[in-house]
Amino acid sequence: MDRIHDAAGSGQNALERLMNVLPGFQGYRDKELRRDTDRILRDHLAARLDLLKKALNEGAAAATRGGGLEAINDIETARKRLDRVSNRIRYADRGYAPLFAVLKIDEAALARVYAFDAALIDGVDAIARAGGGGEGGPAVKAMIAEIDALDARLSDRESVLRGIQ
């Protein structure tokens, strides 16, 4: 996540570098960059989850063609939950309000939100590993468990944000 933030900050033009000299503007600008980084990360993770959903769609089609109808319920459960989590990540609240309202935000709470966001990567990786664990019920059930764990992590993130806003 820091790598994305650093890359975003390195592309500043002369006016932006000049504005950074203004008292308070640098902190505002840094928080805006963090906000943009957060959005880019969440969009990337949601896109990865969408690819996993596509793989589940293909698995459902294969199960239907192969007569493995008993797996369809688990696959459908996984698809619905994956879609829900993907949308929660994509449309999650940002860690703070825009403009100068950021000056009122507790930096420690904001750091906790960023820690949750960084942990989302681990959650998406865990879902992908579980889904790659083979065909059939056990792999899909493991995937559902990882999806549910990530969903719970998102709820914890929202709780932290409620304390900020």
N, C-alpha and C. Protein backbone atom coordinates (compact mmCIF):
# COMPACT_ATOMS: atom_id res chain seq x y z
N MET A 1 0.83 -1.17 0.00
CA MET A 1 0.00 0.00 0.00
C MET A 1 0.88 1.24 0.00
N ASP A 2 1.99 1.23 0.74
CA ASP A 2 2.89 2.37 0.77
C ASP A 2 3.50 2.62 -0.60
N ARG A 3 3.75 1.55 -1.36
CA ARG A 3 4.34 1.68 -2.69
C ARG A 3 3.41 2.47 -3.60
N ILE A 4 2.11 2.20 -3.55
CA ILE A 4 1.14 2.94 -4.36
C ILE A 4 1.12 4.40 -3.93
N HIS A 5 1.14 4.63 -2.61
CA HIS A 5 1.12 5.99 -2.07
C HIS A 5 2.35 6.77 -2.53
N ASP A 6 3.53 6.15 -2.46
CA ASP A 6 4.77 6.81 -2.88
C ASP A 6 4.73 7.16 -4.37
N ALA A 7 4.22 6.23 -5.18
CA ALA A 7 4.14 6.48 -6.62
C ALA A 7 3.19 7.64 -6.91
N ALA A 8 2.09 7.72 -6.18
CA ALA A 8 1.13 8.80 -6.39
C ALA A 8 1.74 10.14 -6.01
N GLY A 9 2.52 10.17 -4.95
CA GLY A 9 3.14 11.42 -4.50
C GLY A 9 4.29 11.88 -5.37
N SER A 10 4.95 10.97 -6.06
CA SER A 10 6.12 11.33 -6.86
C SER A 10 5.73 12.04 -8.16
N GLY A 11 4.47 11.99 -8.55
CA GLY A 11 4.04 12.60 -9.81
C GLY A 11 3.55 14.02 -9.66
N GLN A 12 3.98 14.73 -8.64
CA GLN A 12 3.51 16.10 -8.41
C GLN A 12 4.14 17.06 -9.40
N ASN A 13 3.31 18.02 -9.87
CA ASN A 13 3.83 19.06 -10.75
C ASN A 13 4.37 20.23 -9.91
N ALA A 14 4.88 21.26 -10.57
CA ALA A 14 5.50 22.40 -9.87
C ALA A 14 4.51 23.12 -8.97
N LEU A 15 3.28 23.30 -9.42
CA LEU A 15 2.27 23.99 -8.60
C LEU A 15 1.96 23.19 -7.34
N GLU A 16 1.85 21.88 -7.49
CA GLU A 16 1.57 21.04 -6.32
C GLU A 16 2.72 21.09 -5.32
N ARG A 17 3.95 21.09 -5.81
CA ARG A 17 5.10 21.19 -4.90
C ARG A 17 5.11 22.55 -4.20
N LEU A 18 4.73 23.61 -4.92
CA LEU A 18 4.66 24.95 -4.34
C LEU A 18 3.58 25.00 -3.27
N MET A 19 2.42 24.40 -3.55
CA MET A 19 1.31 24.40 -2.60
C MET A 19 1.69 23.65 -1.31
N ASN A 20 2.58 22.67 -1.43
CA ASN A 20 3.00 21.91 -0.25
C ASN A 20 3.73 22.77 0.77
N VAL A 21 4.22 23.93 0.34
CA VAL A 21 4.91 24.84 1.24
C VAL A 21 3.93 25.55 2.17
N LEU A 22 2.67 25.69 1.76
CA LEU A 22 1.66 26.37 2.57
C LEU A 22 1.42 25.62 3.87
N PRO A 23 1.32 26.33 4.98
CA PRO A 23 1.07 25.67 6.27
C PRO A 23 -0.24 24.87 6.22
N GLY A 24 -0.17 23.62 6.63
CA GLY A 24 -1.35 22.76 6.69
C GLY A 24 -1.68 22.07 5.38
N PHE A 25 -1.19 22.59 4.26
CA PHE A 25 -1.56 22.01 2.98
C PHE A 25 -0.89 20.65 2.77
N GLN A 26 0.35 20.52 3.20
CA GLN A 26 1.06 19.25 3.02
C GLN A 26 0.32 18.11 3.70
N GLY A 27 -0.13 18.34 4.93
CA GLY A 27 -0.88 17.29 5.63
C GLY A 27 -2.18 16.96 4.91
N TYR A 28 -2.86 17.99 4.44
CA TYR A 28 -4.08 17.78 3.68
C TYR A 28 -3.79 16.97 2.42
N ARG A 29 -2.74 17.36 1.71
CA ARG A 29 -2.37 16.70 0.45
C ARG A 29 -2.00 15.23 0.72
N ASP A 30 -1.24 14.99 1.80
CA ASP A 30 -0.87 13.61 2.13
C ASP A 30 -2.11 12.76 2.39
N LYS A 31 -3.07 13.33 3.10
CA LYS A 31 -4.28 12.57 3.40
C LYS A 31 -5.10 12.33 2.14
N GLU A 32 -5.09 13.27 1.22
CA GLU A 32 -5.78 13.06 -0.05
C GLU A 32 -5.09 11.95 -0.85
N LEU A 33 -3.76 11.93 -0.81
CA LEU A 33 -3.03 10.85 -1.49
C LEU A 33 -3.34 9.50 -0.86
N ARG A 34 -3.42 9.46 0.47
CA ARG A 34 -3.77 8.22 1.15
C ARG A 34 -5.16 7.77 0.75
N ARG A 35 -6.05 8.74 0.65
CA ARG A 35 -7.43 8.45 0.26
C ARG A 35 -7.47 7.86 -1.16
N ASP A 36 -6.72 8.46 -2.07
CA ASP A 36 -6.65 7.95 -3.44
C ASP A 36 -6.02 6.55 -3.47
N THR A 37 -4.99 6.36 -2.68
CA THR A 37 -4.33 5.06 -2.60
C THR A 37 -5.31 4.01 -2.10
N ASP A 38 -6.08 4.36 -1.08
CA ASP A 38 -7.08 3.46 -0.52
C ASP A 38 -8.08 3.06 -1.60
N ARG A 39 -8.55 4.02 -2.38
CA ARG A 39 -9.52 3.73 -3.44
C ARG A 39 -8.92 2.81 -4.50
N ILE A 40 -7.69 3.09 -4.91
CA ILE A 40 -7.02 2.26 -5.91
C ILE A 40 -6.86 0.82 -5.40
N LEU A 41 -6.44 0.69 -4.16
CA LEU A 41 -6.28 -0.65 -3.57
C LEU A 41 -7.61 -1.39 -3.53
N ARG A 42 -8.66 -0.72 -3.06
CA ARG A 42 -9.96 -1.37 -2.95
C ARG A 42 -10.51 -1.74 -4.33
N ASP A 43 -10.32 -0.89 -5.32
CA ASP A 43 -10.76 -1.22 -6.69
C ASP A 43 -10.02 -2.45 -7.21
N HIS A 44 -8.73 -2.52 -6.94
CA HIS A 44 -7.92 -3.66 -7.37
C HIS A 44 -8.39 -4.96 -6.70
N LEU A 45 -8.62 -4.89 -5.39
CA LEU A 45 -9.06 -6.09 -4.67
C LEU A 45 -10.45 -6.54 -5.12
N ALA A 46 -11.34 -5.58 -5.35
CA ALA A 46 -12.68 -5.93 -5.82
C ALA A 46 -12.61 -6.58 -7.20
N ALA A 47 -11.72 -6.10 -8.05
CA ALA A 47 -11.55 -6.70 -9.38
C ALA A 47 -11.03 -8.14 -9.25
N ARG A 48 -10.10 -8.38 -8.30
CA ARG A 48 -9.61 -9.75 -8.08
C ARG A 48 -10.74 -10.66 -7.62
N LEU A 49 -11.60 -10.15 -6.74
CA LEU A 49 -12.73 -10.95 -6.28
C LEU A 49 -13.71 -11.21 -7.42
N ASP A 50 -13.86 -10.25 -8.31
CA ASP A 50 -14.73 -10.46 -9.47
C ASP A 50 -14.19 -11.58 -10.36
N LEU A 51 -12.87 -11.68 -10.46
CA LEU A 51 -12.28 -12.80 -11.23
C LEU A 51 -12.56 -14.14 -10.56
N LEU A 52 -12.50 -14.15 -9.24
CA LEU A 52 -12.82 -15.39 -8.51
C LEU A 52 -14.29 -15.76 -8.71
N LYS A 53 -15.15 -14.76 -8.76
CA LYS A 53 -16.57 -15.02 -9.01
C LYS A 53 -16.75 -15.60 -10.41
N LYS A 54 -15.99 -15.10 -11.36
CA LYS A 54 -16.06 -15.64 -12.72
C LYS A 54 -15.66 -17.12 -12.72
N ALA A 55 -14.62 -17.44 -11.95
CA ALA A 55 -14.19 -18.85 -11.85
C ALA A 55 -15.30 -19.70 -11.22
N LEU A 56 -16.01 -19.15 -10.23
CA LEU A 56 -17.13 -19.89 -9.65
C LEU A 56 -18.24 -20.09 -10.67
N ASN A 57 -18.48 -19.08 -11.48
CA ASN A 57 -19.50 -19.21 -12.53
C ASN A 57 -19.14 -20.35 -13.48
N GLU A 58 -17.86 -20.43 -13.84
CA GLU A 58 -17.40 -21.51 -14.72
C GLU A 58 -17.53 -22.87 -14.02
N GLY A 59 -17.22 -22.88 -12.72
CA GLY A 59 -17.36 -24.12 -11.94
C GLY A 59 -18.81 -24.57 -11.86
N ALA A 60 -19.73 -23.61 -11.73
CA ALA A 60 -21.15 -23.94 -11.68
C ALA A 60 -21.61 -24.52 -13.01
N ALA A 61 -21.13 -23.90 -14.09
CA ALA A 61 -21.50 -24.41 -15.42
C ALA A 61 -20.95 -25.82 -15.63
N ALA A 62 -19.73 -26.06 -15.21
CA ALA A 62 -19.13 -27.39 -15.36
C ALA A 62 -19.86 -28.41 -14.49
N ALA A 63 -20.23 -28.02 -13.28
CA ALA A 63 -20.96 -28.93 -12.39
C ALA A 63 -22.32 -29.28 -12.98
N THR A 64 -22.97 -28.30 -13.58
CA THR A 64 -24.27 -28.54 -14.20
C THR A 64 -24.14 -29.50 -15.38
N ARG A 65 -23.14 -29.24 -16.22
CA ARG A 65 -22.93 -30.12 -17.39
C ARG A 65 -22.54 -31.53 -16.97
N GLY A 66 -21.75 -31.63 -15.89
CA GLY A 66 -21.25 -32.93 -15.46
C GLY A 66 -22.18 -33.67 -14.51
N GLY A 67 -23.33 -33.06 -14.23
CA GLY A 67 -24.29 -33.73 -13.35
C GLY A 67 -23.97 -33.60 -11.88
N GLY A 68 -23.04 -32.71 -11.52
CA GLY A 68 -22.68 -32.52 -10.11
C GLY A 68 -23.57 -31.48 -9.46
N LEU A 69 -24.85 -31.74 -9.48
CA LEU A 69 -25.81 -30.76 -8.98
C LEU A 69 -25.73 -30.53 -7.47
N GLU A 70 -25.16 -31.46 -6.73
CA GLU A 70 -25.05 -31.28 -5.28
C GLU A 70 -24.10 -30.13 -4.93
N ALA A 71 -23.17 -29.82 -5.81
CA ALA A 71 -22.22 -28.73 -5.56
C ALA A 71 -22.79 -27.36 -5.89
N ILE A 72 -23.87 -27.33 -6.65
CA ILE A 72 -24.43 -26.06 -7.11
C ILE A 72 -24.85 -25.16 -5.95
N ASN A 73 -25.46 -25.70 -4.90
CA ASN A 73 -25.89 -24.87 -3.77
C ASN A 73 -24.70 -24.17 -3.11
N ASP A 74 -23.62 -24.93 -2.87
CA ASP A 74 -22.44 -24.32 -2.27
C ASP A 74 -21.81 -23.28 -3.19
N ILE A 75 -21.77 -23.58 -4.47
CA ILE A 75 -21.19 -22.63 -5.42
C ILE A 75 -22.03 -21.36 -5.46
N GLU A 76 -23.33 -21.51 -5.46
CA GLU A 76 -24.22 -20.33 -5.48
C GLU A 76 -24.05 -19.51 -4.20
N THR A 77 -23.93 -20.19 -3.07
CA THR A 77 -23.69 -19.48 -1.80
C THR A 77 -22.38 -18.70 -1.88
N ALA A 78 -21.34 -19.35 -2.37
CA ALA A 78 -20.04 -18.68 -2.51
C ALA A 78 -20.13 -17.49 -3.45
N ARG A 79 -20.81 -17.65 -4.57
CA ARG A 79 -20.94 -16.54 -5.54
C ARG A 79 -21.65 -15.35 -4.92
N LYS A 80 -22.75 -15.59 -4.23
CA LYS A 80 -23.51 -14.49 -3.62
C LYS A 80 -22.68 -13.78 -2.56
N ARG A 81 -22.01 -14.54 -1.72
CA ARG A 81 -21.21 -13.93 -0.65
C ARG A 81 -20.00 -13.20 -1.24
N LEU A 82 -19.40 -13.78 -2.26
CA LEU A 82 -18.27 -13.13 -2.91
C LEU A 82 -18.70 -11.82 -3.56
N ASP A 83 -19.85 -11.81 -4.18
CA ASP A 83 -20.38 -10.59 -4.79
C ASP A 83 -20.63 -9.52 -3.73
N ARG A 84 -21.19 -9.94 -2.60
CA ARG A 84 -21.47 -9.00 -1.51
C ARG A 84 -20.17 -8.39 -0.97
N VAL A 85 -19.18 -9.23 -0.72
CA VAL A 85 -17.91 -8.75 -0.17
C VAL A 85 -17.19 -7.86 -1.18
N SER A 86 -17.23 -8.25 -2.44
CA SER A 86 -16.60 -7.43 -3.49
C SER A 86 -17.21 -6.03 -3.51
N ASN A 87 -18.53 -5.96 -3.43
CA ASN A 87 -19.19 -4.65 -3.42
C ASN A 87 -18.91 -3.88 -2.14
N ARG A 88 -18.82 -4.57 -1.02
CA ARG A 88 -18.49 -3.88 0.24
C ARG A 88 -17.10 -3.27 0.17
N ILE A 89 -16.16 -3.98 -0.44
CA ILE A 89 -14.81 -3.45 -0.58
C ILE A 89 -14.81 -2.28 -1.56
N ARG A 90 -15.43 -2.48 -2.71
CA ARG A 90 -15.43 -1.46 -3.77
C ARG A 90 -16.06 -0.15 -3.28
N TYR A 91 -17.14 -0.24 -2.52
CA TYR A 91 -17.90 0.95 -2.13
C TYR A 91 -17.74 1.31 -0.65
N ALA A 92 -16.72 0.79 -0.01
CA ALA A 92 -16.49 1.07 1.42
C ALA A 92 -16.24 2.55 1.65
N ASP A 93 -16.65 3.00 2.84
CA ASP A 93 -16.36 4.38 3.22
C ASP A 93 -14.87 4.59 3.29
N ARG A 94 -14.48 5.79 2.97
CA ARG A 94 -13.07 6.15 3.08
C ARG A 94 -12.74 6.42 4.54
N GLY A 95 -11.47 6.49 4.84
CA GLY A 95 -11.03 6.63 6.22
C GLY A 95 -11.29 7.98 6.84
N TYR A 96 -11.72 8.96 6.04
CA TYR A 96 -11.97 10.28 6.58
C TYR A 96 -12.69 11.12 5.54
N ALA A 97 -13.26 12.21 5.99
CA ALA A 97 -13.99 13.10 5.10
C ALA A 97 -13.01 13.95 4.30
N PRO A 98 -13.42 14.45 3.14
CA PRO A 98 -12.53 15.26 2.31
C PRO A 98 -12.35 16.67 2.86
N LEU A 99 -11.48 17.41 2.22
CA LEU A 99 -11.18 18.80 2.51
C LEU A 99 -10.62 18.97 3.92
N PHE A 100 -10.86 20.10 4.53
CA PHE A 100 -10.16 20.40 5.77
C PHE A 100 -10.77 19.74 7.00
N ALA A 101 -11.83 18.97 6.82
CA ALA A 101 -12.37 18.18 7.93
C ALA A 101 -11.35 17.15 8.39
N VAL A 102 -10.36 16.83 7.55
CA VAL A 102 -9.36 15.83 7.92
C VAL A 102 -8.53 16.27 9.11
N LEU A 103 -8.46 17.55 9.36
CA LEU A 103 -7.65 18.04 10.47
C LEU A 103 -8.22 17.58 11.81
N LYS A 104 -9.49 17.18 11.84
CA LYS A 104 -10.13 16.77 13.08
C LYS A 104 -10.03 15.26 13.33
N ILE A 105 -9.46 14.53 12.42
CA ILE A 105 -9.42 13.08 12.51
C ILE A 105 -8.27 12.62 13.40
N ASP A 106 -8.56 11.65 14.24
CA ASP A 106 -7.56 11.04 15.11
C ASP A 106 -6.64 10.18 14.25
N GLU A 107 -5.37 10.53 14.22
CA GLU A 107 -4.41 9.80 13.38
C GLU A 107 -4.28 8.34 13.77
N ALA A 108 -4.41 8.03 15.07
CA ALA A 108 -4.30 6.63 15.50
C ALA A 108 -5.47 5.82 14.94
N ALA A 109 -6.67 6.39 14.96
CA ALA A 109 -7.83 5.68 14.41
C ALA A 109 -7.68 5.53 12.90
N LEU A 110 -7.17 6.56 12.26
CA LEU A 110 -6.95 6.49 10.81
C LEU A 110 -5.92 5.41 10.48
N ALA A 111 -4.89 5.29 11.30
CA ALA A 111 -3.89 4.24 11.09
C ALA A 111 -4.53 2.85 11.23
N ARG A 112 -5.49 2.70 12.14
CA ARG A 112 -6.19 1.41 12.29
C ARG A 112 -7.00 1.10 11.03
N VAL A 113 -7.61 2.12 10.44
CA VAL A 113 -8.37 1.91 9.20
C VAL A 113 -7.42 1.45 8.10
N TYR A 114 -6.25 2.08 8.00
CA TYR A 114 -5.27 1.68 6.99
C TYR A 114 -4.77 0.26 7.24
N ALA A 115 -4.64 -0.13 8.49
CA ALA A 115 -4.24 -1.50 8.81
C ALA A 115 -5.31 -2.49 8.35
N PHE A 116 -6.58 -2.13 8.55
CA PHE A 116 -7.66 -2.98 8.05
C PHE A 116 -7.59 -3.09 6.53
N ASP A 117 -7.35 -1.96 5.88
CA ASP A 117 -7.28 -1.97 4.42
C ASP A 117 -6.13 -2.83 3.91
N ALA A 118 -4.99 -2.76 4.58
CA ALA A 118 -3.85 -3.59 4.18
C ALA A 118 -4.17 -5.07 4.42
N ALA A 119 -4.91 -5.37 5.47
CA ALA A 119 -5.27 -6.76 5.77
C ALA A 119 -6.26 -7.31 4.75
N LEU A 120 -6.93 -6.44 4.02
CA LEU A 120 -7.84 -6.92 2.98
C LEU A 120 -7.10 -7.74 1.93
N ILE A 121 -5.86 -7.35 1.67
CA ILE A 121 -5.04 -8.09 0.71
C ILE A 121 -4.89 -9.53 1.16
N ASP A 122 -4.58 -9.73 2.44
CA ASP A 122 -4.44 -11.09 2.98
C ASP A 122 -5.75 -11.86 2.86
N GLY A 123 -6.87 -11.18 3.10
CA GLY A 123 -8.16 -11.85 3.00
C GLY A 123 -8.48 -12.30 1.59
N VAL A 124 -8.20 -11.44 0.61
CA VAL A 124 -8.44 -11.81 -0.79
C VAL A 124 -7.52 -12.95 -1.19
N ASP A 125 -6.26 -12.90 -0.76
CA ASP A 125 -5.32 -13.99 -1.04
C ASP A 125 -5.81 -15.31 -0.44
N ALA A 126 -6.35 -15.26 0.77
CA ALA A 126 -6.84 -16.47 1.43
C ALA A 126 -8.03 -17.06 0.67
N ILE A 127 -8.91 -16.20 0.16
CA ILE A 127 -10.05 -16.67 -0.63
C ILE A 127 -9.55 -17.35 -1.90
N ALA A 128 -8.58 -16.72 -2.56
CA ALA A 128 -8.03 -17.29 -3.81
C ALA A 128 -7.37 -18.64 -3.54
N ARG A 129 -6.61 -18.75 -2.45
CA ARG A 129 -5.96 -20.03 -2.11
C ARG A 129 -7.01 -21.10 -1.83
N ALA A 130 -8.04 -20.75 -1.08
CA ALA A 130 -9.08 -21.73 -0.75
C ALA A 130 -9.79 -22.19 -2.01
N GLY A 131 -10.07 -21.27 -2.90
CA GLY A 131 -10.76 -21.61 -4.15
C GLY A 131 -9.90 -22.43 -5.07
N GLY A 132 -8.59 -22.31 -4.94
CA GLY A 132 -7.68 -23.07 -5.79
C GLY A 132 -7.35 -24.43 -5.21
N GLY A 133 -8.00 -24.78 -4.12
CA GLY A 133 -7.70 -26.03 -3.42
C GLY A 133 -8.31 -27.26 -4.05
N GLY A 134 -8.82 -27.13 -5.24
CA GLY A 134 -9.38 -28.30 -5.91
C GLY A 134 -10.84 -28.12 -6.23
N GLU A 135 -11.38 -29.09 -6.90
CA GLU A 135 -12.77 -29.05 -7.33
C GLU A 135 -13.66 -29.60 -6.22
N GLY A 136 -14.89 -29.23 -6.28
CA GLY A 136 -15.88 -29.86 -5.43
C GLY A 136 -16.13 -29.15 -4.12
N GLY A 137 -16.93 -29.83 -3.30
CA GLY A 137 -17.45 -29.27 -2.07
C GLY A 137 -16.44 -28.76 -1.08
N PRO A 138 -15.38 -29.52 -0.74
CA PRO A 138 -14.46 -29.03 0.28
C PRO A 138 -13.78 -27.70 -0.09
N ALA A 139 -13.39 -27.54 -1.34
CA ALA A 139 -12.75 -26.30 -1.76
C ALA A 139 -13.73 -25.14 -1.70
N VAL A 140 -14.96 -25.37 -2.13
CA VAL A 140 -15.97 -24.30 -2.11
C VAL A 140 -16.33 -23.95 -0.67
N LYS A 141 -16.45 -24.95 0.18
CA LYS A 141 -16.76 -24.68 1.59
C LYS A 141 -15.62 -23.90 2.26
N ALA A 142 -14.38 -24.24 1.94
CA ALA A 142 -13.23 -23.49 2.47
C ALA A 142 -13.25 -22.05 1.96
N MET A 143 -13.63 -21.89 0.72
CA MET A 143 -13.72 -20.55 0.13
C MET A 143 -14.80 -19.73 0.85
N ILE A 144 -15.95 -20.35 1.12
CA ILE A 144 -17.03 -19.65 1.83
C ILE A 144 -16.56 -19.21 3.20
N ALA A 145 -15.81 -20.06 3.89
CA ALA A 145 -15.30 -19.69 5.22
C ALA A 145 -14.37 -18.48 5.13
N GLU A 146 -13.52 -18.44 4.12
CA GLU A 146 -12.60 -17.29 3.95
C GLU A 146 -13.37 -16.02 3.55
N ILE A 147 -14.40 -16.19 2.73
CA ILE A 147 -15.23 -15.04 2.35
C ILE A 147 -15.90 -14.47 3.59
N ASP A 148 -16.43 -15.35 4.44
CA ASP A 148 -17.09 -14.91 5.67
C ASP A 148 -16.10 -14.21 6.61
N ALA A 149 -14.86 -14.71 6.66
CA ALA A 149 -13.84 -14.07 7.51
C ALA A 149 -13.53 -12.66 7.00
N LEU A 150 -13.42 -12.51 5.69
CA LEU A 150 -13.16 -11.18 5.12
C LEU A 150 -14.35 -10.27 5.35
N ASP A 151 -15.55 -10.79 5.24
CA ASP A 151 -16.76 -10.01 5.49
C ASP A 151 -16.76 -9.49 6.93
N ALA A 152 -16.37 -10.35 7.87
CA ALA A 152 -16.30 -9.93 9.28
C ALA A 152 -15.25 -8.84 9.47
N ARG A 153 -14.12 -8.96 8.77
CA ARG A 153 -13.08 -7.94 8.84
C ARG A 153 -13.59 -6.59 8.34
N LEU A 154 -14.40 -6.64 7.29
CA LEU A 154 -15.00 -5.40 6.76
C LEU A 154 -15.95 -4.78 7.77
N SER A 155 -16.67 -5.61 8.50
CA SER A 155 -17.56 -5.08 9.54
C SER A 155 -16.75 -4.42 10.66
N ASP A 156 -15.61 -5.01 11.01
CA ASP A 156 -14.74 -4.40 12.01
C ASP A 156 -14.22 -3.04 11.52
N ARG A 157 -13.88 -2.96 10.25
CA ARG A 157 -13.41 -1.70 9.66
C ARG A 157 -14.50 -0.64 9.76
N GLU A 158 -15.73 -1.03 9.46
CA GLU A 158 -16.85 -0.08 9.56
C GLU A 158 -17.04 0.41 10.99
N SER A 159 -16.83 -0.47 11.96
CA SER A 159 -16.94 -0.07 13.36
C SER A 159 -15.91 0.99 13.71
N VAL A 160 -14.69 0.80 13.22
CA VAL A 160 -13.64 1.80 13.47
C VAL A 160 -14.03 3.11 12.81
N LEU A 161 -14.54 3.05 11.59
CA LEU A 161 -14.94 4.28 10.89
C LEU A 161 -16.07 5.00 11.60
N ARG A 162 -16.99 4.27 12.19
CA ARG A 162 -18.08 4.92 12.93
C ARG A 162 -17.52 5.74 14.09
N GLY A 163 -16.41 5.27 14.65
CA GLY A 163 -15.77 6.03 15.72
C GLY A 163 -15.06 7.27 15.22
N ILE A 164 -14.71 7.28 13.94
CA ILE A 164 -14.00 8.43 13.36
C ILE A 164 -14.99 9.49 12.91
N GLN A 165 -16.05 9.08 12.28
CA GLN A 165 -16.95 10.04 11.65
C GLN A 165 -17.94 10.63 12.60
